Protein backbone atom coordinates (compact mmCIF):
# COMPACT_ATOMS: atom_id res chain seq x y z
CA UNK A 1 0.01 0.02 -0.01
CA UNK A 2 1.39 3.41 -0.92
CA UNK A 3 1.90 6.25 1.52
CA UNK A 4 -0.98 8.32 0.23
CA UNK A 5 -3.49 5.48 0.77
CA UNK A 6 -2.12 4.91 4.29
CA UNK A 7 -2.56 8.60 5.05
CA UNK A 8 -6.07 8.59 3.64
CA UNK A 9 -7.12 5.66 5.84
CA UNK A 10 -5.50 7.31 8.94
CA UNK A 11 -7.24 10.58 8.24
CA UNK A 12 -10.63 8.94 7.70
CA UNK A 13 -10.18 6.98 10.90
CA UNK A 14 -9.19 10.02 12.87
CA UNK A 15 -12.15 12.04 11.54
CA UNK A 16 -14.53 9.29 12.50
CA UNK A 17 -12.94 9.02 16.00
CA UNK A 18 -13.22 12.79 16.46
CA UNK A 19 -16.93 12.79 15.60
CA UNK A 20 -17.54 9.86 17.93
CA UNK A 21 -15.76 11.82 20.74
CA UNK A 22 -17.77 14.98 20.06
CA UNK A 23 -21.06 13.11 19.90
CA UNK A 24 -20.41 11.23 23.12
CA UNK A 25 -19.24 14.36 24.82
CA UNK A 26 -22.35 16.27 23.84
CA UNK A 27 -24.54 13.43 25.05
CA UNK A 28 -22.77 13.19 28.31
CA UNK A 29 -23.00 16.86 28.94
CA UNK A 30 -26.65 17.21 27.92
CA UNK A 31 -27.74 14.13 29.92
CA UNK A 32 -25.77 15.30 32.96
CA UNK A 33 -27.74 18.53 33.23
CA UNK A 34 -31.02 17.11 31.89
CA UNK A 35 -32.49 16.01 35.23
CA UNK A 36 -32.49 19.58 36.52
CA UNK A 37 -33.84 21.11 33.35
CA UNK A 38 -36.15 18.53 31.78
CA UNK A 39 -38.91 18.87 34.39
CA UNK A 40 -39.46 22.50 33.34
CA UNK A 41 -39.54 21.88 29.60
CA UNK A 42 -42.56 21.95 27.31
CA UNK A 43 -43.31 19.10 24.91
CA UNK A 44 -41.60 20.70 21.93
CA UNK A 45 -38.36 21.18 23.88
CA UNK A 46 -38.44 17.63 25.20
CA UNK A 47 -38.95 16.42 21.67
CA UNK A 48 -36.02 18.49 20.37
CA UNK A 49 -33.58 17.32 23.02
CA UNK A 50 -34.77 13.75 22.91
CA UNK A 51 -34.42 13.54 19.18
CA UNK A 52 -31.01 15.21 19.42
CA UNK A 53 -29.87 12.41 21.81
CA UNK A 54 -31.19 9.70 19.46
CA UNK A 55 -29.36 11.28 16.50
CA UNK A 56 -26.12 11.67 18.37
CA UNK A 57 -26.24 8.10 19.60
CA UNK A 58 -26.90 6.82 16.06
CA UNK A 59 -23.98 8.99 14.91
CA UNK A 60 -21.77 7.08 17.37
CA UNK A 61 -23.03 3.80 16.12
CA UNK A 62 -22.40 4.88 12.53
CA UNK A 63 -18.89 5.97 13.50
CA UNK A 64 -18.10 2.57 14.94
CA UNK A 65 -19.49 1.06 11.74
CA UNK A 66 -17.20 3.37 9.78
CA UNK A 67 -14.13 2.33 11.80
CA UNK A 68 -15.01 -1.36 11.33
CA UNK A 69 -15.46 -0.82 7.53
CA UNK A 70 -12.06 0.92 7.34
CA UNK A 71 -10.45 -2.01 9.22
CA UNK A 72 -12.20 -4.53 7.01
CA UNK A 73 -11.13 -2.72 3.86
CA UNK A 74 -7.47 -2.63 5.09
CA UNK A 75 -7.68 -6.33 5.98
CA UNK A 76 -8.65 -7.50 2.47
CA UNK A 77 -5.93 -9.54 0.97
CA UNK A 78 -7.60 -10.71 -2.21
CA UNK A 79 -7.31 -7.47 -4.25
CA UNK A 80 -4.71 -5.21 -2.56
CA UNK A 81 -4.91 -2.51 -5.20
CA UNK A 82 -8.62 -2.03 -4.55
CA UNK A 83 -8.14 -0.72 -0.99
CA UNK A 84 -9.68 2.74 -0.82
CA UNK A 85 -11.66 4.88 1.53
CA UNK A 86 -14.05 5.57 -1.28
CA UNK A 87 -15.57 2.12 -1.32
CA UNK A 88 -19.28 1.93 -0.67
CA UNK A 89 -18.69 -0.07 2.53
CA UNK A 90 -16.89 2.94 4.00
CA UNK A 91 -18.79 5.82 2.33
CA UNK A 92 -22.25 4.77 3.47
CA UNK A 93 -21.52 4.64 7.25
CA UNK A 94 -19.26 7.66 7.11
CA UNK A 95 -21.90 9.84 5.36
CA UNK A 96 -24.49 8.53 7.85
CA UNK A 97 -22.23 9.43 10.76
CA UNK A 98 -21.73 12.96 9.51
CA UNK A 99 -25.38 13.57 8.70
CA UNK A 100 -26.58 12.13 12.05
CA UNK A 101 -24.00 14.19 13.94
CA UNK A 102 -25.03 17.35 12.13
CA UNK A 103 -28.70 16.59 12.76
CA UNK A 104 -28.10 16.07 16.44
CA UNK A 105 -26.03 19.17 16.63
CA UNK A 106 -28.61 21.32 14.84
CA UNK A 107 -31.37 20.07 17.15
CA UNK A 108 -29.20 20.79 20.19
CA UNK A 109 -28.61 24.40 18.96
CA UNK A 110 -32.25 24.79 18.12
CA UNK A 111 -33.14 23.60 21.65
CA UNK A 112 -30.65 26.13 23.11
CA UNK A 113 -31.79 29.04 20.96
CA UNK A 114 -35.44 28.25 21.66
CA UNK A 115 -34.66 28.25 25.47
CA UNK A 116 -32.91 31.65 25.26
CA UNK A 117 -35.20 33.43 22.80
CA UNK A 118 -38.53 31.72 23.80
């Protein structure tokens, strides 16, 4: 495997790990303070924060899937020239991870803005 391919795999892996860390950190922070805040929330706010938690959790799951797909692609020995981060087995979970993370983050921000403005 050439150096550029190794760097691409390392970069994709690091990006996925970073998104996993950010999603779990957001979840931990939000859940830690939820018990004091959630009793005073209306139904829309509860729906926003709850959906945000689900999306962030699914983002973590998709991130683990991405890391497993990267490892599986690197472990292929049948066609060594076909190893790429652009294979469907890597792209699908990586795109899902990014979209789910962004969705969870947007809902978290929406929840926060709604609480400040509303």
